[in-house]
């Protein structure tokens, strides 16, 4: 398994991560196969879009023509999903323990290999089931058959099981490496190392750190922006002083046909085309770091820039992005538009960054020139308070956004961010 990026490690340390989603990759048709098996790409499947913005990194989003849902939600307890997560965890624990017993009792190399192949077959079945569960959940959510929390619970369930599959495969590889008189056949080792790539669209930090604890009842989820399309899913939230966004396609990306990107250098060049601002030398903190995933047709490029971290995942057979993770420092984000409203006592300022991105709400008491505490609503929903410093970072919504701020004195201040008034 490839080591997590620096941005991921940092977010895990403070307890969160977010994502947006609009992969630019076509979806895959038919049931997902085992790691390493090629899939047929349906070029007619609606593709998500890469938003072009100035002064910051481009980002994935669901295109207007493919948008099915958008809104802000907070994950809550789902006993059914939590039970299913535990059930899958126990099943994987049993599978690895059964393998361990067979492997340690085996008297021949063939018996050890047979034990490993049996376990790999179980992981293949689990992986295929996860792909189908996530895809079906997206379809049902888009059709109004699942509530937002039921959809979030499914994403959390899929994420937890994907983690378990990867950990199980890693355990087999570790046992192989620590056994002096045995080595896995090359094809089997390749298969076991391929699960991380095969499960990339099924796992993500916001699903792990935000959704899983909330669904299980062991934590409280932050308000999260979610938008979905025919194939794309976007999840975004604000954690302390950071904006986290992830976008991904619901279907797995295993690729088919001849790869169009064959080397790490070609992958980096493609990332430069897709993210010119983030990849520009004057905006980078270090050289981009490409990485591959077993025998899958997937490369990632980790980019550390002056506003944060970006990891993009490319399908080398199409050169398209199918997953993206962004972590940005709020203090460094580019303000695209500023909206104001004031009276003799208060002044409201709203700084917008990009469509569905973070917005900064600032209320100042003019008689003292200090910040003023006030309740903030976005499109009629309470999202928080400005606090004694008068500041609150919150999330923009899709299309026209109405910001309403009410200080304790009872006055109401409203500004409207018109549709398409800011980039994205």
Protein backbone atom coordinates (compact mmCIF):
# COMPACT_ATOMS: atom_id res chain seq x y z
CA UNK A 1 0.00 0.00 0.00
CA UNK A 2 1.30 3.41 -0.89
CA UNK A 3 1.98 5.75 2.02
CA UNK A 4 -0.63 8.47 2.58
CA UNK A 5 0.20 11.95 1.39
CA UNK A 6 1.44 14.60 3.78
CA UNK A 7 -1.88 16.40 3.51
CA UNK A 8 -3.77 13.28 4.50
CA UNK A 9 -1.56 12.65 7.51
CA UNK A 10 -2.02 16.23 8.68
CA UNK A 11 -5.79 16.02 8.38
CA UNK A 12 -5.95 12.74 10.21
CA UNK A 13 -3.99 14.33 13.03
CA UNK A 14 -6.65 17.03 13.46
CA UNK A 15 -9.50 14.65 12.78
CA UNK A 16 -10.88 15.16 9.30
CA UNK A 17 -10.77 15.38 5.58
CA UNK A 18 -13.05 16.41 2.75
CA UNK A 19 -13.54 15.94 -0.91
CA UNK A 20 -15.34 17.08 -4.03
CA UNK A 21 -16.32 15.23 -6.88
CA UNK A 22 -16.67 15.36 -10.43
CA UNK A 23 -14.41 12.91 -11.94
CA UNK A 24 -13.68 13.50 -15.55
CA UNK A 25 -13.56 9.81 -16.26
CA UNK A 26 -16.22 7.79 -18.01
CA UNK A 27 -17.91 5.21 -15.84
CA UNK A 28 -17.42 1.50 -16.27
CA UNK A 29 -20.16 -0.82 -17.37
CA UNK A 30 -20.91 -4.27 -16.07
CA UNK A 31 -20.00 -5.64 -12.64
CA UNK A 32 -16.60 -4.77 -11.30
CA UNK A 33 -14.01 -7.46 -11.76
CA UNK A 34 -11.12 -8.54 -9.62
CA UNK A 35 -8.04 -6.35 -9.33
CA UNK A 36 -6.08 -6.54 -12.54
CA UNK A 37 -8.99 -7.53 -14.76
CA UNK A 38 -9.82 -5.06 -17.53
CA UNK A 39 -13.24 -3.42 -17.81
CA UNK A 40 -15.09 -2.08 -20.81
CA UNK A 41 -15.36 1.71 -20.71
CA UNK A 42 -18.73 3.13 -21.73
CA UNK A 43 -17.86 6.35 -23.52
CA UNK A 44 -21.51 7.43 -23.44
CA UNK A 45 -21.57 7.59 -19.64
CA UNK A 46 -21.93 11.22 -18.45
CA UNK A 47 -18.56 12.63 -17.45
CA UNK A 48 -18.00 15.05 -14.55
CA UNK A 49 -16.12 18.28 -15.24
CA UNK A 50 -12.97 20.05 -14.11
CA UNK A 51 -13.78 23.60 -13.02
CA UNK A 52 -11.31 26.17 -14.35
CA UNK A 53 -10.45 28.97 -11.89
CA UNK A 54 -7.84 31.69 -11.68
CA UNK A 55 -5.40 32.18 -8.82
CA UNK A 56 -5.97 28.75 -7.30
CA UNK A 57 -6.12 25.05 -8.16
CA UNK A 58 -8.76 23.77 -10.57
CA UNK A 59 -11.15 21.31 -8.98
CA UNK A 60 -13.54 18.53 -9.86
CA UNK A 61 -17.26 19.18 -9.79
CA UNK A 62 -20.40 17.63 -11.20
CA UNK A 63 -21.19 19.42 -14.44
CA UNK A 64 -24.43 21.43 -14.65
CA UNK A 65 -25.95 19.12 -17.25
CA UNK A 66 -25.29 16.02 -15.13
CA UNK A 67 -26.18 17.44 -11.70
CA UNK A 68 -28.85 15.39 -9.92
CA UNK A 69 -28.63 16.52 -6.27
CA UNK A 70 -26.83 19.12 -4.18
CA UNK A 71 -27.17 20.15 -0.55
CA UNK A 72 -25.61 20.36 2.90
CA UNK A 73 -26.06 17.48 5.31
CA UNK A 74 -24.85 16.29 8.69
CA UNK A 75 -24.37 12.54 9.18
CA UNK A 76 -26.19 10.90 12.09
CA UNK A 77 -26.50 7.45 13.64
CA UNK A 78 -27.67 4.63 11.37
CA UNK A 79 -27.94 1.39 13.36
CA UNK A 80 -28.49 -0.76 10.28
CA UNK A 81 -25.39 0.55 8.54
CA UNK A 82 -23.31 0.31 11.72
CA UNK A 83 -24.37 -3.32 12.11
CA UNK A 84 -23.43 -4.08 8.51
CA UNK A 85 -20.02 -2.48 9.01
CA UNK A 86 -19.41 -4.70 12.03
CA UNK A 87 -20.66 -7.75 10.13
CA UNK A 88 -18.27 -7.14 7.24
CA UNK A 89 -15.41 -6.55 9.67
CA UNK A 90 -16.10 -9.84 11.41
CA UNK A 91 -16.33 -11.68 8.09
CA UNK A 92 -12.93 -10.34 7.03
CA UNK A 93 -11.46 -11.18 10.44
CA UNK A 94 -12.73 -14.73 10.02
CA UNK A 95 -11.36 -14.94 6.47
CA UNK A 96 -7.86 -13.84 7.47
CA UNK A 97 -7.85 -16.13 10.52
CA UNK A 98 -8.91 -19.09 8.37
CA UNK A 99 -6.14 -18.24 5.93
CA UNK A 100 -3.61 -17.93 8.73
CA UNK A 101 -4.48 -21.37 10.10
CA UNK A 102 -4.29 -23.02 6.66
CA UNK A 103 -1.07 -21.19 5.79
CA UNK A 104 0.70 -22.12 9.02
CA UNK A 105 -0.43 -25.74 8.90
CA UNK A 106 0.48 -26.19 5.24
CA UNK A 107 3.21 -28.70 4.59
CA UNK A 108 3.90 -27.81 0.99
CA UNK A 109 4.30 -24.67 -1.10
CA UNK A 110 1.24 -25.66 -3.14
CA UNK A 111 -0.93 -25.81 0.00
CA UNK A 112 0.20 -22.34 1.06
CA UNK A 113 -0.54 -20.96 -2.38
CA UNK A 114 -3.98 -22.62 -2.37
CA UNK A 115 -4.77 -20.94 0.96
CA UNK A 116 -3.76 -17.55 -0.42
CA UNK A 117 -5.80 -18.04 -3.62
CA UNK A 118 -8.88 -19.00 -1.62
CA UNK A 119 -8.59 -15.81 0.41
CA UNK A 120 -8.02 -13.72 -2.73
CA UNK A 121 -11.20 -15.17 -4.24
CA UNK A 122 -13.13 -14.05 -1.16
CA UNK A 123 -11.64 -10.56 -1.44
CA UNK A 124 -12.59 -10.45 -5.13
CA UNK A 125 -16.19 -11.20 -4.22
CA UNK A 126 -16.17 -8.57 -1.49
CA UNK A 127 -14.66 -6.00 -3.86
CA UNK A 128 -17.22 -6.67 -6.56
CA UNK A 129 -20.04 -6.39 -4.02
CA UNK A 130 -18.69 -3.03 -2.82
CA UNK A 131 -18.55 -1.61 -6.34
CA UNK A 132 -22.12 -2.67 -6.96
CA UNK A 133 -23.36 -1.37 -3.59
CA UNK A 134 -21.89 2.08 -4.11
CA UNK A 135 -23.15 2.37 -7.68
CA UNK A 136 -26.63 1.22 -6.72
CA UNK A 137 -26.72 3.61 -3.75
CA UNK A 138 -25.91 6.55 -6.04
CA UNK A 139 -28.66 5.54 -8.47
CA UNK A 140 -31.22 5.20 -5.67
CA UNK A 141 -30.18 8.47 -4.03
CA UNK A 142 -30.44 10.33 -7.33
CA UNK A 143 -33.91 8.82 -7.84
CA UNK A 144 -35.05 9.90 -4.38
CA UNK A 145 -35.23 6.35 -2.99
CA UNK A 146 -32.59 7.00 -0.31
CA UNK A 147 -32.49 9.82 2.21
CA UNK A 148 -29.26 11.86 2.47
CA UNK A 149 -28.33 10.05 5.69
CA UNK A 150 -28.98 6.64 4.15
CA UNK A 151 -26.71 7.57 1.25
CA UNK A 152 -24.02 8.83 3.63
CA UNK A 153 -24.36 5.64 5.68
CA UNK A 154 -23.79 3.55 2.55
CA UNK A 155 -20.66 5.55 1.70
CA UNK A 156 -19.40 4.98 5.26
CA UNK A 157 -20.16 1.25 5.04
CA UNK A 158 -18.38 0.91 1.70
CA UNK A 159 -15.38 2.88 3.00
CA UNK A 160 -15.04 0.73 6.13
CA UNK A 161 -15.21 -2.52 4.18
CA UNK A 162 -12.75 -1.24 1.56
CA UNK A 163 -10.29 -0.49 4.35
CA UNK A 164 -10.79 -4.01 5.67
CA UNK A 165 -10.16 -5.59 2.27
CA UNK A 166 -6.93 -3.63 1.82
CA UNK A 167 -5.76 -4.51 5.35
CA UNK A 168 -6.52 -8.18 4.77
CA UNK A 169 -4.54 -8.23 1.54
CA UNK A 170 -1.66 -6.44 3.26
CA UNK A 171 -1.65 -9.07 6.01
CA UNK A 172 -1.17 -11.85 3.45
CA UNK A 173 1.68 -9.96 1.80
CA UNK A 174 3.32 -9.37 5.19
CA UNK A 175 3.07 -13.06 6.09
CA UNK A 176 4.59 -13.95 2.72
CA UNK A 177 7.49 -11.54 3.22
CA UNK A 178 8.19 -12.90 6.70
CA UNK A 179 8.21 -16.55 5.60
CA UNK A 180 11.75 -17.57 4.66
CA UNK A 181 10.95 -20.71 2.71
CA UNK A 182 7.99 -19.44 0.69
CA UNK A 183 7.13 -16.73 -1.83
CA UNK A 184 3.76 -15.96 -3.37
CA UNK A 185 3.49 -16.63 -7.12
CA UNK A 186 4.02 -13.32 -8.99
CA UNK A 187 0.47 -13.22 -10.36
CA UNK A 188 -1.02 -13.71 -6.91
CA UNK A 189 1.22 -11.11 -5.29
CA UNK A 190 0.26 -8.65 -8.04
CA UNK A 191 -3.42 -9.34 -7.40
CA UNK A 192 -3.05 -8.77 -3.65
CA UNK A 193 -1.17 -5.52 -4.20
CA UNK A 194 -3.85 -4.36 -6.62
CA UNK A 195 -6.72 -3.94 -4.17
CA UNK A 196 -5.73 -0.42 -3.16
CA UNK A 197 -6.02 0.75 -6.76
CA UNK A 198 -9.21 -1.23 -7.35
CA UNK A 199 -10.85 0.35 -4.29
CA UNK A 200 -9.75 3.96 -4.73
CA UNK A 201 -13.26 5.22 -5.52
CA UNK A 202 -14.67 3.32 -2.54
CA UNK A 203 -12.65 5.03 0.17
CA UNK A 204 -11.76 8.52 1.32
CA UNK A 205 -10.76 10.40 4.44
CA UNK A 206 -14.02 12.26 4.93
CA UNK A 207 -15.89 8.99 4.71
CA UNK A 208 -13.50 7.43 7.22
CA UNK A 209 -12.99 10.27 9.68
CA UNK A 210 -16.34 12.08 9.45
CA UNK A 211 -19.02 9.69 8.25
CA UNK A 212 -18.00 6.43 9.91
CA UNK A 213 -17.93 7.75 13.52
CA UNK A 214 -21.21 9.63 13.05
CA UNK A 215 -23.01 6.59 11.61
CA UNK A 216 -21.68 4.40 14.44
CA UNK A 217 -22.64 6.98 17.07
CA UNK A 218 -19.11 7.59 18.30
CA UNK A 219 -18.71 11.09 16.87
CA UNK A 220 -20.58 14.08 15.47
CA UNK A 221 -20.27 14.95 11.82
CA UNK A 222 -19.58 18.46 10.64
CA UNK A 223 -21.92 20.05 8.13
CA UNK A 224 -20.93 18.63 4.76
CA UNK A 225 -21.71 19.74 1.23
CA UNK A 226 -22.66 16.86 -1.07
CA UNK A 227 -23.49 16.93 -4.75
CA UNK A 228 -24.11 14.00 -7.07
CA UNK A 229 -24.43 13.36 -10.79
CA UNK A 230 -24.96 10.31 -12.95
CA UNK A 231 -21.50 9.03 -11.97
CA UNK A 232 -19.81 11.72 -9.88
CA UNK A 233 -19.95 12.37 -6.15
CA UNK A 234 -18.60 15.47 -4.36
CA UNK A 235 -18.11 15.80 -0.62
CA UNK A 236 -16.70 18.92 1.08
CA UNK A 237 -16.44 20.36 4.56
CA UNK A 238 -14.48 22.79 6.73
CA UNK A 239 -12.25 21.53 9.52
CA UNK A 240 -10.75 24.16 11.79
CA UNK A 241 -8.82 26.42 9.42
CA UNK A 242 -8.96 24.12 6.38
CA UNK A 243 -11.31 23.44 3.53
CA UNK A 244 -11.35 19.80 2.45
CA UNK A 245 -12.92 18.57 -0.75
CA UNK A 246 -13.06 15.22 -2.52
CA UNK A 247 -14.55 14.24 -5.85
CA UNK A 248 -14.78 10.72 -7.26
CA UNK A 249 -16.71 8.53 -9.65
CA UNK A 250 -19.03 5.91 -8.22
CA UNK A 251 -17.74 3.16 -10.50
CA UNK A 252 -14.28 1.56 -10.25
CA UNK A 253 -11.59 2.55 -12.71
CA UNK A 254 -9.51 -0.41 -13.81
CA UNK A 255 -9.03 0.68 -17.41
CA UNK A 256 -8.97 -1.07 -20.75
CA UNK A 257 -7.07 -0.68 -23.96
CA UNK A 258 -3.60 0.66 -24.48
CA UNK A 259 -2.37 3.14 -21.85
CA UNK A 260 -1.89 6.64 -23.20
CA UNK A 261 0.31 7.61 -20.26
CA UNK A 262 3.18 5.16 -19.90
CA UNK A 263 5.68 6.88 -17.64
CA UNK A 264 5.65 8.95 -14.47
CA UNK A 265 6.94 11.90 -16.49
CA UNK A 266 3.97 11.69 -18.86
CA UNK A 267 1.60 11.54 -15.89
CA UNK A 268 3.16 14.67 -14.38
CA UNK A 269 2.89 16.46 -17.74
CA UNK A 270 -0.81 15.57 -17.90
CA UNK A 271 -1.32 16.89 -14.36
CA UNK A 272 0.30 20.16 -15.49
CA UNK A 273 -2.29 20.44 -18.26
CA UNK A 274 -5.17 19.81 -15.87
CA UNK A 275 -3.92 21.92 -12.95
CA UNK A 276 -1.72 24.67 -14.46
CA UNK A 277 -1.82 27.01 -11.45
CA UNK A 278 -1.07 24.33 -8.86
CA UNK A 279 1.71 22.84 -11.02
CA UNK A 280 3.40 26.15 -11.84
CA UNK A 281 6.87 26.31 -10.31
CA UNK A 282 6.16 29.62 -8.56
CA UNK A 283 3.12 28.12 -6.80
CA UNK A 284 4.56 24.75 -5.79
CA UNK A 285 6.25 24.06 -2.49
CA UNK A 286 8.08 21.02 -3.86
CA UNK A 287 8.23 18.81 -6.92
CA UNK A 288 5.06 16.82 -7.72
CA UNK A 289 5.11 13.20 -6.55
CA UNK A 290 3.64 10.60 -8.92
CA UNK A 291 2.71 7.14 -7.65
CA UNK A 292 1.26 3.97 -9.16
CA UNK A 293 -1.10 1.33 -7.76
CA UNK A 294 -0.09 -2.24 -8.43
CA UNK A 295 -1.07 -3.50 -11.85
CA UNK A 296 -4.01 -1.11 -12.26
CA UNK A 297 -4.04 1.60 -14.92
CA UNK A 298 -3.97 4.26 -12.21
CA UNK A 299 -1.45 6.91 -11.27
CA UNK A 300 -1.76 9.58 -8.60
CA UNK A 301 0.08 12.90 -8.47
CA UNK A 302 0.54 14.59 -5.10
CA UNK A 303 0.97 18.36 -5.43
CA UNK A 304 1.92 20.61 -2.52
CA UNK A 305 1.24 24.26 -3.38
CA UNK A 306 1.10 27.60 -1.60
CA UNK A 307 -2.59 27.23 -0.72
CA UNK A 308 -2.57 23.60 0.41
CA UNK A 309 -2.44 20.04 -0.90
CA UNK A 310 -3.89 18.40 -3.99
CA UNK A 311 -3.85 14.74 -4.96
CA UNK A 312 -5.28 13.83 -8.33
CA UNK A 313 -5.86 10.30 -9.63
CA UNK A 314 -5.56 9.63 -13.36
CA UNK A 315 -6.70 6.71 -15.47
CA UNK A 316 -3.73 6.21 -17.78
CA UNK A 317 -5.89 4.57 -20.47
CA UNK A 318 -8.06 7.70 -20.84
CA UNK A 319 -5.78 10.35 -19.23
CA UNK A 320 -8.83 11.56 -17.28
CA UNK A 321 -9.20 12.34 -13.59
CA UNK A 322 -11.53 9.96 -11.73
CA UNK A 323 -10.76 11.03 -8.16
CA UNK A 324 -9.37 14.14 -6.53
CA UNK A 325 -8.58 15.25 -2.98
CA UNK A 326 -7.94 18.85 -2.02
CA UNK A 327 -7.00 20.39 1.32
CA UNK A 328 -6.65 24.16 1.40
CA UNK A 329 -5.75 26.67 4.10
CA UNK A 330 -8.67 29.09 4.41
CA UNK A 331 -6.37 32.04 5.06
CA UNK A 332 -4.67 31.60 1.68
CA UNK A 333 -7.76 31.05 -0.49
CA UNK A 334 -8.39 33.50 -3.30
CA UNK A 335 -11.42 35.76 -2.79
CA UNK A 336 -13.25 36.15 -6.10
CA UNK A 337 -16.11 38.44 -5.02
CA UNK A 338 -17.02 40.49 -1.94
CA UNK A 339 -20.59 41.35 -0.91
CA UNK A 340 -21.54 43.89 1.78
CA UNK A 341 -24.53 45.19 3.72
CA UNK A 342 -24.43 47.73 6.53
CA UNK A 343 -26.40 50.08 8.78
CA UNK A 344 -25.30 52.71 11.25
CA UNK A 345 -24.35 50.06 13.81
CA UNK A 346 -23.13 47.00 11.87
CA UNK A 347 -21.29 46.14 8.68
CA UNK A 348 -21.60 42.71 7.06
CA UNK A 349 -18.94 41.46 4.64
CA UNK A 350 -19.15 38.16 2.78
CA UNK A 351 -16.07 36.99 0.87
CA UNK A 352 -16.78 34.29 -1.72
CA UNK A 353 -14.08 32.03 -3.20
CA UNK A 354 -15.63 29.75 -5.84
CA UNK A 355 -18.96 28.04 -6.46
CA UNK A 356 -19.73 25.52 -3.67
CA UNK A 357 -16.47 26.53 -1.98
CA UNK A 358 -15.88 28.25 1.37
CA UNK A 359 -17.29 31.70 2.11
CA UNK A 360 -16.12 34.00 4.90
CA UNK A 361 -18.82 35.84 6.85
CA UNK A 362 -17.63 38.89 8.83
CA UNK A 363 -19.82 41.15 11.02
CA UNK A 364 -18.31 44.29 12.54
CA UNK A 365 -19.89 46.53 15.21
CA UNK A 366 -19.20 49.99 13.82
CA UNK A 367 -19.47 51.78 17.17
CA UNK A 368 -16.43 49.90 18.47
CA UNK A 369 -14.93 48.58 15.21
CA UNK A 370 -14.83 45.11 16.82
CA UNK A 371 -16.30 41.85 15.65
CA UNK A 372 -19.90 41.08 16.62
CA UNK A 373 -21.43 37.72 17.48
CA UNK A 374 -24.38 36.75 15.29
CA UNK A 375 -26.32 33.76 14.00
CA UNK A 376 -25.62 32.86 10.38
CA UNK A 377 -28.04 31.15 8.01
CA UNK A 378 -27.31 29.99 4.47
CA UNK A 379 -30.39 29.55 2.27
CA UNK A 380 -32.58 29.48 5.37
CA UNK A 381 -30.53 26.91 7.30
CA UNK A 382 -28.59 27.82 10.41
CA UNK A 383 -24.91 27.01 9.94
CA UNK A 384 -23.28 28.57 13.01
CA UNK A 385 -22.32 31.81 14.72
CA UNK A 386 -19.67 34.39 13.97
CA UNK A 387 -18.35 34.39 17.55
CA UNK A 388 -16.76 37.26 19.44
CA UNK A 389 -14.34 37.94 16.58
CA UNK A 390 -17.27 38.37 14.19
CA UNK A 391 -15.93 35.74 11.75
CA UNK A 392 -17.31 32.46 10.41
CA UNK A 393 -16.17 30.31 7.52
CA UNK A 394 -18.97 28.24 6.01
CA UNK A 395 -19.92 26.53 2.74
CA UNK A 396 -21.42 28.06 -0.37
CA UNK A 397 -24.27 26.23 -2.09
CA UNK A 398 -24.90 25.46 -5.73
CA UNK A 399 -26.46 28.31 -7.70
CA UNK A 400 -27.81 31.41 -5.96
CA UNK A 401 -26.82 31.59 -2.28
CA UNK A 402 -28.53 33.76 0.36
CA UNK A 403 -26.55 34.67 3.48
CA UNK A 404 -28.56 35.95 6.44
CA UNK A 405 -26.85 37.26 9.60
CA UNK A 406 -28.73 38.18 12.79
CA UNK A 407 -26.85 39.76 15.75
CA UNK A 408 -28.31 39.64 19.27
CA UNK A 409 -29.84 43.09 18.79
CA UNK A 410 -32.26 41.52 16.33
CA UNK A 411 -31.38 43.30 13.09
CA UNK A 412 -31.19 41.09 10.01
CA UNK A 413 -28.50 41.54 7.36
CA UNK A 414 -28.78 39.73 4.06
CA UNK A 415 -26.54 39.42 1.02
CA UNK A 416 -27.12 37.32 -2.06
CA UNK A 417 -24.45 35.61 -4.13
CA UNK A 418 -26.05 35.32 -7.57
CA UNK A 419 -25.84 32.17 -9.64
CA UNK A 420 -22.65 32.08 -11.74
CA UNK A 421 -21.36 35.26 -10.10
CA UNK A 422 -18.27 33.48 -8.80
CA UNK A 423 -15.97 31.00 -10.59
CA UNK A 424 -16.83 27.32 -10.80
